[in-house]
Amino acid sequence: MRKLTASTAGMILFFAAGVSHFGFSQNVDIDFIELVGRNVVVHYNLDDGANSSRQFLVQLYSSQDNFTTPLTRVSGDFGSEVTAGIDKKIIWDVTKELGSFKGNIALELRGRVYVPFVKIKDIDEDQVFKRGKNYPVNWTSGNLSGQVNIELFNAAGERIWGENNVPNVGKFDWYVQGNIKKGKNYKLKFTNVKDRNDVVYSLPFIIKPKIPLLAKVAGVVVVVAAIEVLSSNAKSNSEAKPLVGPPAAPTN
C-alpha cells in the first residue's frame, strides 16, 4: 500500500491506493497529486497486463464517511468504463463536496473490472429530452429483481433529481421537471441498492425547454404586430374623420 500526503488551506490529505482494491492481475499506482485552486488532482496509472481491452469501475472515497460512499464532485477518469493506461486523472472539487473544511482527511482509490448490473437502453448520446414531458426509461439486467436508485446529474456532477428504491423491473416512467436548467452532458445514474458500488451511467444527453424560446418570442411579436396594426388603423381613422364641432346656434 502506497501513501502520499498533501496539505492546503488547513486541510491535510492522505492518499492511499494499492493492488488489493483491484485484483491480482491489475495494478493501480498513484503517480502524483497536485492542488489546483480548490481542486485536488490525483494522477494514477492503471495496468491491466495483457487484458488491456477490459474496462474498470474506478471511484474515489474519503474518510469523511468512513469510506462508505464514492465522492460525487469528481470529474476525469472515474466511474464506469475506465480503460487501462498511464496518467489517468481524477479531479476532485473539495469545496463543492465538503464546503468549508479544515482538518485531516484520507482518500482511497478503488476499482474493479466493470461488469454492469444493468444496461440502459434507448438513450443515445446527445439525445434531446424536453422539460415537462414524460419519457420511458428502459434497461436490461441479468437479474431483474431488487431495487435501483435512479438519479440525474448535470455536466458539473451535481445531483439534480433522484428517485430511490425503484423496482428493478427494466422500465421507469421519467418525468423531466420543468425547473431543470437546459443544457448538455446530463446523465442518468443507476445504483444497485444492495451494493452502492454497483453503478451505471447513461450516455450524455441534452435537456431543452418544452417550447423553444424562439417560438415564445415569435408569439409575442405577432401580438405586438397586431396591436401596432390596430393602433395604426385607429390613427388613420382619426385623421381621415376629424371630429365635428357642435352645431351652430340657430339665428332668428
Protein backbone atom coordinates (compact mmCIF):
# COMPACT_ATOMS: atom_id res chain seq x y z
CA MET A 1 0.00 0.00 0.00
CA ARG A 2 1.45 3.33 -1.06
CA LYS A 3 0.56 6.52 0.85
CA LEU A 4 1.05 10.15 -0.12
CA THR A 5 0.23 13.33 1.77
CA ALA A 6 -0.52 16.92 0.80
CA SER A 7 -1.95 19.95 2.57
CA THR A 8 -3.90 23.04 1.59
CA ALA A 9 -5.90 25.70 3.45
CA GLY A 10 -5.59 23.94 6.79
CA MET A 11 -6.56 20.57 5.30
CA ILE A 12 -4.19 17.62 5.35
CA LEU A 13 -4.92 14.97 2.75
CA PHE A 14 -3.76 11.36 2.91
CA PHE A 15 -3.93 9.26 -0.23
CA ALA A 16 -3.76 5.50 -0.46
CA ALA A 17 -4.01 3.06 -3.32
CA GLY A 18 -2.88 -0.50 -3.89
CA VAL A 19 -3.30 -3.71 -5.77
CA SER A 20 -5.72 -5.01 -3.14
CA HIS A 21 -8.51 -2.76 -4.38
CA PHE A 22 -8.35 -4.05 -7.95
CA GLY A 23 -7.36 -7.68 -8.11
CA PHE A 24 -4.41 -9.95 -8.66
CA SER A 25 -3.95 -9.21 -12.37
CA GLN A 26 -4.44 -5.44 -12.13
CA ASN A 27 -2.29 -2.78 -10.54
CA VAL A 28 -3.06 0.84 -9.74
CA ASP A 29 -0.39 3.29 -8.72
CA ILE A 30 -0.88 6.93 -7.74
CA ASP A 31 1.80 8.80 -9.65
CA PHE A 32 1.48 12.22 -8.09
CA ILE A 33 -1.05 14.68 -6.65
CA GLU A 34 -1.40 18.36 -7.39
CA LEU A 35 -3.53 21.04 -5.77
CA VAL A 36 -5.05 23.37 -8.37
CA GLY A 37 -7.14 26.08 -6.70
CA ARG A 38 -9.89 24.29 -4.81
CA ASN A 39 -9.37 21.08 -6.79
CA VAL A 40 -7.30 18.06 -5.85
CA VAL A 41 -5.98 16.30 -8.96
CA VAL A 42 -5.00 12.67 -8.47
CA HIS A 43 -2.78 11.26 -11.23
CA TYR A 44 -2.68 7.49 -11.38
CA ASN A 45 -1.63 4.63 -13.64
CA LEU A 46 -3.80 1.59 -14.23
CA ASP A 47 -2.03 -1.50 -15.50
CA ASP A 48 -4.13 -4.43 -16.67
CA GLY A 49 -1.32 -6.53 -18.11
CA ALA A 50 -2.25 -8.32 -21.30
CA ASN A 51 -6.00 -7.70 -20.79
CA SER A 52 -5.80 -4.08 -21.92
CA SER A 53 -9.24 -4.13 -23.57
CA ARG A 54 -11.14 -4.54 -20.30
CA GLN A 55 -12.96 -1.70 -18.61
CA PHE A 56 -12.97 -0.76 -14.93
CA LEU A 57 -15.17 0.91 -12.37
CA VAL A 58 -12.90 3.44 -10.58
CA GLN A 59 -14.14 5.51 -7.65
CA LEU A 60 -12.66 7.83 -5.03
CA TYR A 61 -13.65 7.60 -1.35
CA SER A 62 -12.92 9.74 1.70
CA SER A 63 -12.66 9.24 5.44
CA GLN A 64 -15.47 11.81 5.94
CA ASP A 65 -17.99 8.96 5.87
CA ASN A 66 -15.53 6.19 6.71
CA PHE A 67 -15.07 5.36 3.01
CA THR A 68 -18.72 4.33 2.64
CA THR A 69 -19.93 6.15 -0.49
CA PRO A 70 -17.98 7.41 -3.53
CA LEU A 71 -17.20 11.11 -3.83
CA THR A 72 -19.54 12.84 -6.28
CA ARG A 73 -17.85 16.17 -7.06
CA VAL A 74 -15.33 14.49 -9.31
CA SER A 75 -14.52 14.50 -13.00
CA GLY A 76 -12.00 12.89 -15.31
CA ASP A 77 -11.09 9.20 -15.37
CA PHE A 78 -13.58 7.89 -12.82
CA GLY A 79 -16.79 5.94 -12.76
CA SER A 80 -17.59 3.10 -15.11
CA GLU A 81 -15.89 2.14 -18.36
CA VAL A 82 -12.42 3.44 -17.45
CA THR A 83 -9.75 1.79 -19.59
CA ALA A 84 -6.22 0.87 -18.53
CA GLY A 85 -3.43 3.35 -19.22
CA ILE A 86 -0.94 5.81 -17.78
CA ASP A 87 -1.50 9.32 -16.41
CA LYS A 88 -5.17 8.87 -15.62
CA LYS A 89 -6.63 11.83 -13.72
CA ILE A 90 -9.41 12.29 -11.18
CA ILE A 91 -10.26 15.91 -10.35
CA TRP A 92 -11.98 16.38 -7.00
CA ASP A 93 -13.69 19.68 -6.15
CA VAL A 94 -13.10 19.80 -2.40
CA THR A 95 -15.21 22.91 -1.74
CA LYS A 96 -18.30 21.62 -3.53
CA GLU A 97 -18.02 18.25 -1.83
CA LEU A 98 -17.22 19.32 1.73
CA GLY A 99 -17.84 23.07 1.90
CA SER A 100 -15.50 24.92 4.25
CA PHE A 101 -13.42 22.15 5.73
CA LYS A 102 -10.27 22.10 7.85
CA GLY A 103 -8.58 19.09 9.33
CA ASN A 104 -7.29 15.70 8.28
CA ILE A 105 -8.89 13.60 5.62
CA ALA A 106 -7.88 10.40 3.85
CA LEU A 107 -8.74 9.46 0.30
CA GLU A 108 -8.86 5.98 -1.13
CA LEU A 109 -8.88 4.92 -4.77
CA ARG A 110 -10.86 1.77 -5.51
CA GLY A 111 -11.67 -0.10 -8.65
CA ARG A 112 -12.63 -3.39 -10.17
CA VAL A 113 -13.33 -4.94 -13.52
CA TYR A 114 -16.51 -3.31 -14.75
CA VAL A 115 -19.46 -5.65 -15.25
CA PRO A 116 -22.64 -3.52 -15.43
CA PHE A 117 -25.51 -4.82 -13.33
CA VAL A 118 -27.90 -3.14 -15.79
CA LYS A 119 -27.65 -1.96 -19.39
CA ILE A 120 -29.55 1.23 -20.16
CA LYS A 121 -31.46 1.15 -23.43
CA ASP A 122 -32.87 3.81 -25.75
CA ILE A 123 -30.72 6.73 -24.54
CA ASP A 124 -28.38 7.89 -27.28
CA GLU A 125 -25.54 10.37 -26.98
CA ASP A 126 -26.80 13.98 -27.32
CA GLN A 127 -30.42 12.81 -27.40
CA VAL A 128 -32.82 15.63 -26.55
CA PHE A 129 -35.23 15.43 -23.62
CA LYS A 130 -37.74 18.24 -23.12
CA ARG A 131 -38.82 19.66 -19.79
CA GLY A 132 -42.39 18.99 -18.71
CA LYS A 133 -42.66 15.71 -20.63
CA ASN A 134 -42.65 12.02 -19.67
CA TYR A 135 -40.17 9.57 -21.15
CA PRO A 136 -39.95 5.78 -20.78
CA VAL A 137 -36.54 4.69 -19.47
CA ASN A 138 -35.78 1.04 -20.22
CA TRP A 139 -32.95 -1.24 -19.19
CA THR A 140 -31.97 -4.88 -19.15
CA SER A 141 -30.43 -6.85 -16.30
CA GLY A 142 -29.20 -10.37 -15.72
CA ASN A 143 -31.28 -10.38 -12.54
CA LEU A 144 -34.46 -8.35 -12.73
CA SER A 145 -35.12 -8.20 -9.01
CA GLY A 146 -34.43 -5.94 -6.09
CA GLN A 147 -34.36 -2.17 -6.39
CA VAL A 148 -32.33 0.58 -8.04
CA ASN A 149 -31.81 4.27 -7.39
CA ILE A 150 -32.12 6.48 -10.46
CA GLU A 151 -30.50 9.93 -10.32
CA LEU A 152 -29.93 12.81 -12.72
CA PHE A 153 -26.56 14.60 -12.77
CA ASN A 154 -25.56 17.69 -14.74
CA ALA A 155 -22.26 18.34 -16.51
CA ALA A 156 -20.70 19.64 -13.27
CA GLY A 157 -21.50 16.40 -11.45
CA GLU A 158 -24.27 17.97 -9.37
CA ARG A 159 -27.23 15.80 -8.43
CA ILE A 160 -30.35 17.44 -9.87
CA TRP A 161 -33.04 14.83 -9.30
CA GLY A 162 -33.43 11.34 -7.93
CA GLU A 163 -35.89 8.54 -7.33
CA ASN A 164 -34.90 5.93 -4.75
CA ASN A 165 -35.90 2.28 -4.41
CA VAL A 166 -37.29 1.93 -7.92
CA PRO A 167 -38.29 -1.70 -8.62
CA ASN A 168 -35.68 -3.32 -10.87
CA VAL A 169 -38.20 -4.41 -13.50
CA GLY A 170 -36.49 -2.88 -16.54
CA LYS A 171 -38.66 0.18 -17.03
CA PHE A 172 -39.44 3.52 -15.41
CA ASP A 173 -41.61 6.46 -16.45
CA TRP A 174 -39.37 9.53 -16.08
CA TYR A 175 -40.97 12.98 -15.85
CA VAL A 176 -38.48 15.74 -16.73
CA GLN A 177 -39.27 18.51 -14.28
CA GLY A 178 -39.87 21.99 -15.62
CA ASN A 179 -37.39 23.68 -13.30
CA ILE A 180 -34.36 21.78 -14.61
CA LYS A 181 -31.94 24.09 -16.42
CA LYS A 182 -31.45 23.47 -20.10
CA GLY A 183 -28.00 22.21 -21.02
CA LYS A 184 -25.78 19.45 -22.35
CA ASN A 185 -23.98 16.47 -20.84
CA TYR A 186 -26.70 15.40 -18.43
CA LYS A 187 -26.50 11.76 -17.32
CA LEU A 188 -28.75 9.29 -15.54
CA LYS A 189 -27.05 7.23 -12.84
CA PHE A 190 -28.32 3.80 -11.81
CA THR A 191 -27.20 2.44 -8.43
CA ASN A 192 -27.81 -1.05 -7.10
CA VAL A 193 -29.50 -0.58 -3.71
CA LYS A 194 -27.91 -3.79 -2.40
CA ASP A 195 -24.40 -2.70 -3.44
CA ARG A 196 -23.78 1.06 -3.68
CA ASN A 197 -20.54 0.37 -5.55
CA ASP A 198 -22.59 -1.06 -8.43
CA VAL A 199 -23.31 1.98 -10.61
CA VAL A 200 -24.09 2.57 -14.27
CA TYR A 201 -24.25 5.88 -16.12
CA SER A 202 -26.18 6.62 -19.27
CA LEU A 203 -24.66 8.29 -22.29
CA PRO A 204 -24.66 12.12 -22.03
CA PHE A 205 -27.83 13.80 -23.30
CA ILE A 206 -29.39 17.25 -23.68
CA ILE A 207 -32.31 18.85 -21.84
CA LYS A 208 -34.26 21.61 -23.58
CA PRO A 209 -37.41 23.65 -22.86
CA LYS A 210 -40.71 22.14 -23.94
CA ILE A 211 -41.48 25.25 -26.01
CA PRO A 212 -38.42 26.82 -27.66
CA LEU A 213 -37.71 30.41 -26.70
CA LEU A 214 -37.87 31.48 -30.36
CA ALA A 215 -41.46 30.22 -30.60
CA LYS A 216 -42.38 32.15 -27.46
CA VAL A 217 -40.74 35.33 -28.78
CA ALA A 218 -42.39 34.88 -32.17
CA GLY A 219 -45.79 34.72 -30.46
CA VAL A 220 -45.08 37.98 -28.66
CA VAL A 221 -44.01 39.62 -31.92
CA VAL A 222 -47.28 38.58 -33.56
CA VAL A 223 -49.30 40.07 -30.71
CA VAL A 224 -47.27 43.27 -30.75
CA ALA A 225 -47.60 43.48 -34.51
CA ALA A 226 -51.38 43.07 -34.22
CA ILE A 227 -51.52 45.86 -31.64
CA GLU A 228 -49.41 48.08 -33.87
CA VAL A 229 -51.73 47.43 -36.82
CA LEU A 230 -54.80 48.22 -34.74
CA SER A 231 -53.15 51.36 -33.42
CA SER A 232 -52.21 52.44 -36.91
CA ASN A 233 -55.75 51.84 -38.19
CA ALA A 234 -57.19 53.79 -35.29
CA LYS A 235 -54.80 56.66 -36.03
CA SER A 236 -55.69 56.61 -39.74
CA ASN A 237 -59.40 56.68 -38.99
CA SER A 238 -58.87 59.56 -36.59
CA GLU A 239 -57.02 61.56 -39.25
CA ALA A 240 -59.48 60.74 -42.01
CA LYS A 241 -62.52 61.68 -39.96
CA PRO A 242 -61.76 64.78 -37.91
CA LEU A 243 -64.06 65.50 -35.03
CA VAL A 244 -67.07 67.62 -35.98
CA GLY A 245 -67.72 70.61 -33.73
CA PRO A 246 -71.06 71.33 -32.09
CA PRO A 247 -73.87 72.67 -34.38
CA ALA A 248 -74.14 76.42 -34.80
CA ALA A 249 -76.68 78.25 -32.71
CA PRO A 250 -79.98 79.00 -34.59
CA THR A 251 -80.45 82.51 -35.94
CA ASN A 252 -83.70 84.48 -35.88
